[in-house]
Amino acid sequence: MFKIFPVVEFYITNVCNLTCRGCNRFNDKKFKGHQYWDDHAEEYEAWSKRLDIPRITIIGGEPTLNPDLEKWAMNLRRLWPNAVIMIQTNGTYWKPEYKKLWDNYAVGFGLSLHDPLTAEKIKEQWKHQAGVIEAYVFHQATVIEKNNTWVLHQSDAKRAFAACDMKHDHTMYNGKLYKCPAMSNLPDFDQQFGLTLDERQRDLLYSYTPLASNCSDFELQEFINTKDQHISQCEFCPEHLKWHTALGELKENLPKPIFDIKEIKEEDLDQVRFPPDWKLRTAK
């Protein structure tokens, strides 16, 4: 087994009900498409026999809009029984039945709040079910709207990687493992919206190859050994970050949001307490 730490994100939908300016997955652009468990179930089964993942986040888009959400929660828990598994939501689609995802599968929720005007109401709704990240400001995204076209940055790859706030968030998408979250769905964005790229940029975009579940042990170990190093496609992202409000009035040069940037250690995962009998219940 190969361990990937600190987190692997399972990206399950491009769809979102919010239009946060600077969304790092481009979900503010009327991006379409859900990912369904059964489409790549065999690949995830194979990955579970090769990867030890201590921490899993189910993300989008807005993952609660994916009609397959419970199937994702149920099967990820089945395949990685000892992982901490969280669904990252903007909280606007709270439903009482979400509680069964914790009761049945020990899959919790994390709140990403983007609008301070609605934050307190959402926190009250989710107070027994979710931890909170207050992310009211975003920086510019990989995709730039320019003269009614979509273009990418042309940055220094090393500097862009140094500035990146997603560099440790490796992504599972359509059964493949990606080092870079943006690269997992940037080709899909190009196919839906048509990026304006020169020949070199287009070749670079489509030259990235994620890992398949049947990759060699050498390829997987190389991924792990280099997972915190830049790739050539990092040039598509900004190297100088300008922060602005995610929703509402555009204000540049705001302070960077304060995240917990201390090193995550494996023993920290013990802070998430599983119900003592959840294995018995999910085995039924």
C-alpha atoms as a PDB file:
ATOM      1  CA  MET A   1       0.000   0.000   0.000  1.00  0.00           C
ATOM      2  CA  PHE A   2       1.136   3.529  -0.814  1.00  0.00           C
ATOM      3  CA  LYS A   3       0.153   6.353   1.532  1.00  0.00           C
ATOM      4  CA  ILE A   4      -0.908   9.742   0.139  1.00  0.00           C
ATOM      5  CA  PHE A   5      -1.082  12.496   2.722  1.00  0.00           C
ATOM      6  CA  PRO A   6      -2.463  14.885   3.867  1.00  0.00           C
ATOM      7  CA  VAL A   7      -5.587  14.800   1.669  1.00  0.00           C
ATOM      8  CA  VAL A   8      -7.100  13.477  -1.553  1.00  0.00           C
ATOM      9  CA  GLU A   9     -10.123  15.286  -2.964  1.00  0.00           C
ATOM     10  CA  PHE A  10     -12.782  13.358  -4.862  1.00  0.00           C
ATOM     11  CA  TYR A  11     -14.268  15.878  -7.271  1.00  0.00           C
ATOM     12  CA  ILE A  12     -17.862  14.846  -8.060  1.00  0.00           C
ATOM     13  CA  THR A  13     -19.559  17.759  -9.834  1.00  0.00           C
ATOM     14  CA  ASN A  14     -18.914  20.880 -11.903  1.00  0.00           C
ATOM     15  CA  VAL A  15     -22.324  22.260 -10.908  1.00  0.00           C
ATOM     16  CA  CYS A  16     -22.728  24.983  -8.284  1.00  0.00           C
ATOM     17  CA  ASN A  17     -25.542  27.314  -7.276  1.00  0.00           C
ATOM     18  CA  LEU A  18     -23.137  30.129  -6.359  1.00  0.00           C
ATOM     19  CA  THR A  19     -20.988  32.276  -8.633  1.00  0.00           C
ATOM     20  CA  CYS A  20     -18.011  33.031  -6.422  1.00  0.00           C
ATOM     21  CA  ARG A  21     -15.630  35.275  -8.301  1.00  0.00           C
ATOM     22  CA  GLY A  22     -12.291  33.482  -8.614  1.00  0.00           C
ATOM     23  CA  CYS A  23     -13.606  29.966  -7.982  1.00  0.00           C
ATOM     24  CA  ASN A  24     -10.583  27.686  -8.301  1.00  0.00           C
ATOM     25  CA  ARG A  25     -12.644  24.993 -10.074  1.00  0.00           C
ATOM     26  CA  PHE A  26     -14.352  27.451 -12.474  1.00  0.00           C
ATOM     27  CA  ASN A  27     -17.777  26.530 -11.075  1.00  0.00           C
ATOM     28  CA  ASP A  28     -18.909  30.159 -11.319  1.00  0.00           C
ATOM     29  CA  LYS A  29     -19.040  29.872 -15.117  1.00  0.00           C
ATOM     30  CA  LYS A  30     -22.223  27.754 -15.510  1.00  0.00           C
ATOM     31  CA  PHE A  31     -19.983  24.714 -15.778  1.00  0.00           C
ATOM     32  CA  LYS A  32     -21.989  21.524 -16.348  1.00  0.00           C
ATOM     33  CA  GLY A  33     -21.622  17.855 -15.470  1.00  0.00           C
ATOM     34  CA  HIS A  34     -21.937  15.480 -12.513  1.00  0.00           C
ATOM     35  CA  GLN A  35     -19.608  12.543 -11.912  1.00  0.00           C
ATOM     36  CA  TYR A  36     -21.394   9.305 -11.044  1.00  0.00           C
ATOM     37  CA  TRP A  37     -19.892   6.575  -8.886  1.00  0.00           C
ATOM     38  CA  ASP A  38     -20.791   3.692 -11.167  1.00  0.00           C
ATOM     39  CA  ASP A  39     -18.997   5.254 -14.157  1.00  0.00           C
ATOM     40  CA  HIS A  40     -15.590   4.609 -12.576  1.00  0.00           C
ATOM     41  CA  ALA A  41     -16.365   2.228  -9.711  1.00  0.00           C
ATOM     42  CA  GLU A  42     -13.861  -0.378 -10.918  1.00  0.00           C
ATOM     43  CA  GLU A  43     -11.030   2.148 -10.918  1.00  0.00           C
ATOM     44  CA  TYR A  44     -11.808   3.248  -7.359  1.00  0.00           C
ATOM     45  CA  GLU A  45     -11.989  -0.372  -6.242  1.00  0.00           C
ATOM     46  CA  ALA A  46      -8.512  -0.870  -7.731  1.00  0.00           C
ATOM     47  CA  TRP A  47      -7.170   2.291  -6.099  1.00  0.00           C
ATOM     48  CA  SER A  48      -8.407   1.140  -2.690  1.00  0.00           C
ATOM     49  CA  LYS A  49      -6.126  -1.878  -2.934  1.00  0.00           C
ATOM     50  CA  ARG A  50      -3.114   0.344  -3.645  1.00  0.00           C
ATOM     51  CA  LEU A  51      -3.641   3.616  -1.774  1.00  0.00           C
ATOM     52  CA  ASP A  52      -3.844   4.299   1.936  1.00  0.00           C
ATOM     53  CA  ILE A  53      -5.622   7.673   2.121  1.00  0.00           C
ATOM     54  CA  PRO A  54      -5.957   8.977   5.693  1.00  0.00           C
ATOM     55  CA  ARG A  55      -8.092  11.987   4.715  1.00  0.00           C
ATOM     56  CA  ILE A  56     -10.691  12.297   1.938  1.00  0.00           C
ATOM     57  CA  THR A  57     -12.742  15.334   0.947  1.00  0.00           C
ATOM     58  CA  ILE A  58     -15.741  15.098  -1.396  1.00  0.00           C
ATOM     59  CA  ILE A  59     -15.917  18.355  -3.321  1.00  0.00           C
ATOM     60  CA  GLY A  60     -17.351  20.185  -6.340  1.00  0.00           C
ATOM     61  CA  GLY A  61     -18.884  22.481  -7.408  1.00  0.00           C
ATOM     62  CA  GLU A  62     -21.529  21.986  -4.775  1.00  0.00           C
ATOM     63  CA  PRO A  63     -21.444  18.251  -3.973  1.00  0.00           C
ATOM     64  CA  THR A  64     -24.926  18.203  -2.421  1.00  0.00           C
ATOM     65  CA  LEU A  65     -26.326  18.942  -5.906  1.00  0.00           C
ATOM     66  CA  ASN A  66     -25.010  15.610  -7.182  1.00  0.00           C
ATOM     67  CA  PRO A  67     -27.890  13.091  -6.993  1.00  0.00           C
ATOM     68  CA  ASP A  68     -25.304  10.350  -6.439  1.00  0.00           C
ATOM     69  CA  LEU A  69     -23.934  11.895  -3.229  1.00  0.00           C
ATOM     70  CA  GLU A  70     -24.983   9.088  -0.884  1.00  0.00           C
ATOM     71  CA  LYS A  71     -23.503   6.469  -3.201  1.00  0.00           C
ATOM     72  CA  TRP A  72     -20.191   8.359  -3.140  1.00  0.00           C
ATOM     73  CA  ALA A  73     -20.255   8.572   0.667  1.00  0.00           C
ATOM     74  CA  MET A  74     -21.232   4.931   1.125  1.00  0.00           C
ATOM     75  CA  ASN A  75     -18.624   3.532  -1.254  1.00  0.00           C
ATOM     76  CA  LEU A  76     -15.724   5.744  -0.221  1.00  0.00           C
ATOM     77  CA  ARG A  77     -16.328   4.658   3.377  1.00  0.00           C
ATOM     78  CA  ARG A  78     -16.487   1.018   2.284  1.00  0.00           C
ATOM     79  CA  LEU A  79     -13.215   1.252   0.349  1.00  0.00           C
ATOM     80  CA  TRP A  80     -11.307   3.406   2.870  1.00  0.00           C
ATOM     81  CA  PRO A  81     -12.799   2.349   6.236  1.00  0.00           C
ATOM     82  CA  ASN A  82     -10.207   4.147   8.360  1.00  0.00           C
ATOM     83  CA  ALA A  83     -10.123   7.477   6.515  1.00  0.00           C
ATOM     84  CA  VAL A  84     -11.529  10.755   7.773  1.00  0.00           C
ATOM     85  CA  ILE A  85     -14.115  11.586   5.090  1.00  0.00           C
ATOM     86  CA  MET A  86     -15.766  14.999   4.749  1.00  0.00           C
ATOM     87  CA  ILE A  87     -18.166  16.551   2.229  1.00  0.00           C
ATOM     88  CA  GLN A  88     -17.212  20.184   1.588  1.00  0.00           C
ATOM     89  CA  THR A  89     -20.386  22.230   1.031  1.00  0.00           C
ATOM     90  CA  ASN A  90     -21.373  25.883   0.807  1.00  0.00           C
ATOM     91  CA  GLY A  91     -24.244  24.973   3.147  1.00  0.00           C
ATOM     92  CA  THR A  92     -27.095  26.441   1.127  1.00  0.00           C
ATOM     93  CA  TYR A  93     -28.776  23.071   0.541  1.00  0.00           C
ATOM     94  CA  TRP A  94     -29.106  21.782   4.091  1.00  0.00           C
ATOM     95  CA  LYS A  95     -31.498  18.842   4.443  1.00  0.00           C
ATOM     96  CA  PRO A  96     -32.343  16.818   7.583  1.00  0.00           C
ATOM     97  CA  GLU A  97     -31.543  13.566   5.781  1.00  0.00           C
ATOM     98  CA  TYR A  98     -27.866  14.529   5.494  1.00  0.00           C
ATOM     99  CA  LYS A  99     -27.536  13.376   9.084  1.00  0.00           C
ATOM    100  CA  LYS A 100     -27.775   9.771   7.914  1.00  0.00           C
ATOM    101  CA  LEU A 101     -24.519  10.178   5.987  1.00  0.00           C
ATOM    102  CA  TRP A 102     -22.821  10.522   9.371  1.00  0.00           C
ATOM    103  CA  ASP A 103     -25.012   8.030  11.182  1.00  0.00           C
ATOM    104  CA  ASN A 104     -24.646   5.345   8.510  1.00  0.00           C
ATOM    105  CA  TYR A 105     -21.199   5.973   7.032  1.00  0.00           C
ATOM    106  CA  ALA A 106     -19.347   8.332   9.420  1.00  0.00           C
ATOM    107  CA  VAL A 107     -19.039  10.856   6.605  1.00  0.00           C
ATOM    108  CA  GLY A 108     -19.183  14.415   7.914  1.00  0.00           C
ATOM    109  CA  PHE A 109     -19.570  17.873   6.418  1.00  0.00           C
ATOM    110  CA  GLY A 110     -17.336  20.902   6.210  1.00  0.00           C
ATOM    111  CA  LEU A 111     -18.821  24.352   5.541  1.00  0.00           C
ATOM    112  CA  SER A 112     -17.147  26.756   3.128  1.00  0.00           C
ATOM    113  CA  LEU A 113     -18.888  30.066   3.772  1.00  0.00           C
ATOM    114  CA  HIS A 114     -18.535  32.689   1.046  1.00  0.00           C
ATOM    115  CA  ASP A 115     -21.162  35.332   1.906  1.00  0.00           C
ATOM    116  CA  PRO A 116     -20.945  37.040   5.318  1.00  0.00           C
ATOM    117  CA  LEU A 117     -24.567  38.210   4.966  1.00  0.00           C
ATOM    118  CA  THR A 118     -25.891  34.648   5.127  1.00  0.00           C
ATOM    119  CA  ALA A 119     -23.109  33.055   7.181  1.00  0.00           C
ATOM    120  CA  GLU A 120     -24.770  33.117  10.598  1.00  0.00           C
ATOM    121  CA  LYS A 121     -28.012  31.572   9.321  1.00  0.00           C
ATOM    122  CA  ILE A 122     -26.105  28.777   7.576  1.00  0.00           C
ATOM    123  CA  LYS A 123     -23.905  28.127  10.608  1.00  0.00           C
ATOM    124  CA  GLU A 124     -27.008  27.808  12.780  1.00  0.00           C
ATOM    125  CA  GLN A 125     -28.570  25.284  10.381  1.00  0.00           C
ATOM    126  CA  TRP A 126     -25.432  23.152  10.311  1.00  0.00           C
ATOM    127  CA  LYS A 127     -24.224  23.674  13.882  1.00  0.00           C
ATOM    128  CA  HIS A 128     -24.511  19.984  14.817  1.00  0.00           C
ATOM    129  CA  GLN A 129     -23.132  18.630  11.568  1.00  0.00           C
ATOM    130  CA  ALA A 130     -20.245  20.650  10.175  1.00  0.00           C
ATOM    131  CA  GLY A 131     -17.019  22.446  10.858  1.00  0.00           C
ATOM    132  CA  VAL A 132     -16.640  25.914   9.336  1.00  0.00           C
ATOM    133  CA  ILE A 133     -14.200  27.618   6.975  1.00  0.00           C
ATOM    134  CA  GLU A 134     -14.981  31.303   6.411  1.00  0.00           C
ATOM    135  CA  ALA A 135     -13.701  31.979   2.898  1.00  0.00           C
ATOM    136  CA  TYR A 136     -15.122  35.372   2.007  1.00  0.00           C
ATOM    137  CA  VAL A 137     -12.262  36.406  -0.269  1.00  0.00           C
ATOM    138  CA  PHE A 138     -10.771  34.575  -3.237  1.00  0.00           C
ATOM    139  CA  HIS A 139      -7.832  35.315  -5.495  1.00  0.00           C
ATOM    140  CA  GLN A 140      -7.981  35.333  -9.290  1.00  0.00           C
ATOM    141  CA  ALA A 141      -8.572  31.918 -10.843  1.00  0.00           C
ATOM    142  CA  THR A 142      -6.679  29.991 -13.509  1.00  0.00           C
ATOM    143  CA  VAL A 143      -9.241  30.967 -16.156  1.00  0.00           C
ATOM    144  CA  ILE A 144      -9.436  34.655 -17.130  1.00  0.00           C
ATOM    145  CA  GLU A 145     -12.263  36.285 -19.078  1.00  0.00           C
ATOM    146  CA  LYS A 146     -10.723  38.677 -21.598  1.00  0.00           C
ATOM    147  CA  ASN A 147     -12.524  40.384 -24.507  1.00  0.00           C
ATOM    148  CA  ASN A 148     -15.345  37.831 -24.404  1.00  0.00           C
ATOM    149  CA  THR A 149     -12.873  34.927 -24.546  1.00  0.00           C
ATOM    150  CA  TRP A 150     -11.341  32.606 -21.960  1.00  0.00           C
ATOM    151  CA  VAL A 151      -7.573  32.639 -21.525  1.00  0.00           C
ATOM    152  CA  LEU A 152      -5.028  31.317 -19.018  1.00  0.00           C
ATOM    153  CA  HIS A 153      -2.188  32.950 -17.147  1.00  0.00           C
ATOM    154  CA  GLN A 154       1.346  32.865 -18.518  1.00  0.00           C
ATOM    155  CA  SER A 155       3.281  32.691 -15.276  1.00  0.00           C
ATOM    156  CA  ASP A 156       6.618  31.370 -14.163  1.00  0.00           C
ATOM    157  CA  ALA A 157       5.691  27.799 -13.204  1.00  0.00           C
ATOM    158  CA  LYS A 158       7.892  27.670 -10.094  1.00  0.00           C
ATOM    159  CA  ARG A 159       6.592  30.980  -8.772  1.00  0.00           C
ATOM    160  CA  ALA A 160       2.993  30.044  -9.467  1.00  0.00           C
ATOM    161  CA  PHE A 161       3.478  26.781  -7.578  1.00  0.00           C
ATOM    162  CA  ALA A 162       5.006  28.654  -4.649  1.00  0.00           C
ATOM    163  CA  ALA A 163       1.947  30.940  -4.544  1.00  0.00           C
ATOM    164  CA  CYS A 164      -0.571  28.109  -5.009  1.00  0.00           C
ATOM    165  CA  ASP A 165      -2.977  27.438  -2.148  1.00  0.00           C
ATOM    166  CA  MET A 166      -4.053  24.075  -3.615  1.00  0.00           C
ATOM    167  CA  LYS A 167      -0.633  22.490  -3.993  1.00  0.00           C
ATOM    168  CA  HIS A 168      -1.331  19.812  -1.377  1.00  0.00           C
ATOM    169  CA  ASP A 169      -4.869  19.001  -2.572  1.00  0.00           C
ATOM    170  CA  HIS A 170      -4.394  16.073  -4.921  1.00  0.00           C
ATOM    171  CA  THR A 171      -7.523  15.082  -6.813  1.00  0.00           C
ATOM    172  CA  MET A 172      -9.365  11.956  -7.907  1.00  0.00           C
ATOM    173  CA  TYR A 173     -11.475  12.662 -10.982  1.00  0.00           C
ATOM    174  CA  ASN A 174     -13.076  10.173 -13.357  1.00  0.00           C
ATOM    175  CA  GLY A 175     -11.055   7.366 -11.802  1.00  0.00           C
ATOM    176  CA  LYS A 176      -7.673   9.095 -12.250  1.00  0.00           C
ATOM    177  CA  LEU A 177      -5.297  10.665  -9.719  1.00  0.00           C
ATOM    178  CA  TYR A 178      -4.172  14.238 -10.426  1.00  0.00           C
ATOM    179  CA  LYS A 179      -1.355  16.135  -8.766  1.00  0.00           C
ATOM    180  CA  CYS A 180      -3.026  19.463  -9.608  1.00  0.00           C
ATOM    181  CA  PRO A 181      -6.722  20.122  -8.866  1.00  0.00           C
ATOM    182  CA  ALA A 182      -7.068  22.634 -11.707  1.00  0.00           C
ATOM    183  CA  MET A 183      -5.705  20.190 -14.262  1.00  0.00           C
ATOM    184  CA  SER A 184      -8.384  17.661 -13.373  1.00  0.00           C
ATOM    185  CA  ASN A 185     -11.205  19.677 -14.934  1.00  0.00           C
ATOM    186  CA  LEU A 186      -9.470  22.346 -17.043  1.00  0.00           C
ATOM    187  CA  PRO A 187      -9.715  20.172 -20.202  1.00  0.00           C
ATOM    188  CA  ASP A 188     -13.455  19.758 -19.523  1.00  0.00           C
ATOM    189  CA  PHE A 189     -13.777  23.527 -19.231  1.00  0.00           C
ATOM    190  CA  ASP A 190     -11.990  23.913 -22.567  1.00  0.00           C
ATOM    191  CA  GLN A 191     -14.384  21.462 -24.202  1.00  0.00           C
ATOM    192  CA  GLN A 192     -17.454  23.264 -22.833  1.00  0.00           C
ATOM    193  CA  PHE A 193     -16.363  26.873 -23.244  1.00  0.00           C
ATOM    194  CA  GLY A 194     -13.425  26.891 -25.661  1.00  0.00           C
ATOM    195  CA  LEU A 195     -10.234  28.338 -24.195  1.00  0.00           C
ATOM    196  CA  THR A 196      -8.270  30.708 -26.415  1.00  0.00           C
ATOM    197  CA  LEU A 197      -4.807  29.116 -26.433  1.00  0.00           C
ATOM    198  CA  ASP A 198      -1.835  29.224 -28.724  1.00  0.00           C
ATOM    199  CA  GLU A 199      -0.430  25.966 -30.042  1.00  0.00           C
ATOM    200  CA  ARG A 200       2.200  25.666 -27.300  1.00  0.00           C
ATOM    201  CA  GLN A 201      -0.331  26.238 -24.518  1.00  0.00           C
ATOM    202  CA  ARG A 202      -2.782  23.746 -25.984  1.00  0.00           C
ATOM    203  CA  ASP A 203      -0.074  21.119 -26.331  1.00  0.00           C
ATOM    204  CA  LEU A 204       0.985  21.754 -22.738  1.00  0.00           C
ATOM    205  CA  LEU A 205      -2.586  21.534 -21.423  1.00  0.00           C
ATOM    206  CA  TYR A 206      -3.267  18.196 -23.058  1.00  0.00           C
ATOM    207  CA  SER A 207       0.173  16.733 -22.404  1.00  0.00           C
ATOM    208  CA  TYR A 208      -0.604  16.294 -18.698  1.00  0.00           C
ATOM    209  CA  THR A 209      -1.283  12.638 -17.898  1.00  0.00           C
ATOM    210  CA  PRO A 210      -2.891  11.712 -14.559  1.00  0.00           C
ATOM    211  CA  LEU A 211      -2.212   8.363 -12.932  1.00  0.00           C
ATOM    212  CA  ALA A 212      -4.521   5.472 -13.759  1.00  0.00           C
ATOM    213  CA  SER A 213      -5.331   2.798 -11.202  1.00  0.00           C
ATOM    214  CA  ASN A 214      -3.273   0.262 -13.183  1.00  0.00           C
ATOM    215  CA  CYS A 215      -0.124   2.402 -13.204  1.00  0.00           C
ATOM    216  CA  SER A 216       3.138   0.755 -12.213  1.00  0.00           C
ATOM    217  CA  ASP A 217       4.434   0.833  -8.641  1.00  0.00           C
ATOM    218  CA  PHE A 218       7.346   2.920  -9.928  1.00  0.00           C
ATOM    219  CA  GLU A 219       4.965   5.532 -11.398  1.00  0.00           C
ATOM    220  CA  LEU A 220       2.952   5.681  -8.201  1.00  0.00           C
ATOM    221  CA  GLN A 221       6.019   6.022  -6.000  1.00  0.00           C
ATOM    222  CA  GLU A 222       7.344   8.750  -8.307  1.00  0.00           C
ATOM    223  CA  PHE A 223       4.037  10.615  -7.953  1.00  0.00           C
ATOM    224  CA  ILE A 224       4.315  10.455  -4.168  1.00  0.00           C
ATOM    225  CA  ASN A 225       7.975  11.451  -4.169  1.00  0.00           C
ATOM    226  CA  THR A 226       7.311  14.506  -6.354  1.00  0.00           C
ATOM    227  CA  LYS A 227       3.789  15.420  -5.251  1.00  0.00           C
ATOM    228  CA  ASP A 228       5.004  18.653  -3.648  1.00  0.00           C
ATOM    229  CA  GLN A 229       6.964  19.799  -6.675  1.00  0.00           C
ATOM    230  CA  HIS A 230       5.743  22.036  -9.486  1.00  0.00           C
ATOM    231  CA  ILE A 231       4.682  20.783 -12.911  1.00  0.00           C
ATOM    232  CA  SER A 232       5.012  22.610 -16.221  1.00  0.00           C
ATOM    233  CA  GLN A 233       1.271  23.335 -16.278  1.00  0.00           C
ATOM    234  CA  CYS A 234       1.642  25.482 -13.139  1.00  0.00           C
ATOM    235  CA  GLU A 235       2.299  28.338 -15.562  1.00  0.00           C
ATOM    236  CA  PHE A 236      -1.465  28.456 -16.212  1.00  0.00           C
ATOM    237  CA  CYS A 237      -2.098  29.789 -12.685  1.00  0.00           C
ATOM    238  CA  PRO A 238      -1.292  33.224 -11.203  1.00  0.00           C
ATOM    239  CA  GLU A 239       2.083  33.814  -9.593  1.00  0.00           C
ATOM    240  CA  HIS A 240       0.984  37.068  -7.905  1.00  0.00           C
ATOM    241  CA  LEU A 241      -2.260  36.672  -5.972  1.00  0.00           C
ATOM    242  CA  LYS A 242      -4.770  39.522  -5.762  1.00  0.00           C
ATOM    243  CA  TRP A 243      -7.556  38.948  -3.255  1.00  0.00           C
ATOM    244  CA  HIS A 244     -11.152  40.138  -3.646  1.00  0.00           C
ATOM    245  CA  THR A 245     -14.572  39.339  -2.225  1.00  0.00           C
ATOM    246  CA  ALA A 246     -16.025  36.070  -3.466  1.00  0.00           C
ATOM    247  CA  LEU A 247     -19.573  37.446  -3.617  1.00  0.00           C
ATOM    248  CA  GLY A 248     -20.840  40.991  -3.739  1.00  0.00           C
ATOM    249  CA  GLU A 249     -18.813  44.124  -4.397  1.00  0.00           C
ATOM    250  CA  LEU A 250     -15.444  43.652  -6.099  1.00  0.00           C
ATOM    251  CA  LYS A 251     -12.621  44.825  -3.835  1.00  0.00           C
ATOM    252  CA  GLU A 252      -9.068  43.997  -4.744  1.00  0.00           C
ATOM    253  CA  ASN A 253      -6.035  43.878  -2.444  1.00  0.00           C
ATOM    254  CA  LEU A 254      -7.980  42.624   0.565  1.00  0.00           C
ATOM    255  CA  PRO A 255      -6.103  40.639   3.200  1.00  0.00           C
ATOM    256  CA  LYS A 256      -5.532  36.991   2.392  1.00  0.00           C
ATOM    257  CA  PRO A 257      -7.979  34.741   4.273  1.00  0.00           C
ATOM    258  CA  ILE A 258      -6.560  33.131   7.377  1.00  0.00           C
ATOM    259  CA  PHE A 259      -6.387  29.358   7.071  1.00  0.00           C
ATOM    260  CA  ASP A 260      -4.757  26.897   9.434  1.00  0.00           C
ATOM    261  CA  ILE A 261      -1.463  26.470   7.585  1.00  0.00           C
ATOM    262  CA  LYS A 262       0.389  24.488  10.218  1.00  0.00           C
ATOM    263  CA  GLU A 263       1.693  21.116   9.140  1.00  0.00           C
ATOM    264  CA  ILE A 264      -0.982  18.440   9.381  1.00  0.00           C
ATOM    265  CA  LYS A 265       0.156  15.366  11.256  1.00  0.00           C
ATOM    266  CA  GLU A 266      -1.441  11.972  11.156  1.00  0.00           C
ATOM    267  CA  GLU A 267      -2.210  12.003  14.873  1.00  0.00           C
ATOM    268  CA  ASP A 268      -4.325  15.132  14.281  1.00  0.00           C
ATOM    269  CA  LEU A 269      -6.881  12.945  12.518  1.00  0.00           C
ATOM    270  CA  ASP A 270      -7.846  11.490  15.880  1.00  0.00           C
ATOM    271  CA  GLN A 271      -9.716  14.726  16.587  1.00  0.00           C
ATOM    272  CA  VAL A 272     -12.497  13.464  14.312  1.00  0.00           C
ATOM    273  CA  ARG A 273     -14.385  10.940  16.439  1.00  0.00           C
ATOM    274  CA  PHE A 274     -16.209   8.097  14.719  1.00  0.00           C
ATOM    275  CA  PRO A 275     -19.412   6.783  16.328  1.00  0.00           C
ATOM    276  CA  PRO A 276     -18.184   3.673  18.163  1.00  0.00           C
ATOM    277  CA  ASP A 277     -20.581   1.339  16.384  1.00  0.00           C
ATOM    278  CA  TRP A 278     -20.495   2.732  12.822  1.00  0.00           C
ATOM    279  CA  LYS A 279     -18.560  -0.253  11.428  1.00  0.00           C
ATOM    280  CA  LEU A 280     -21.205  -2.591  12.781  1.00  0.00           C
ATOM    281  CA  ARG A 281     -24.005  -0.539  11.265  1.00  0.00           C
ATOM    282  CA  THR A 282     -22.432  -0.125   7.840  1.00  0.00           C
ATOM    283  CA  ALA A 283     -21.619  -3.836   7.677  1.00  0.00           C
ATOM    284  CA  LYS A 284     -25.293  -4.767   7.804  1.00  0.00           C
END
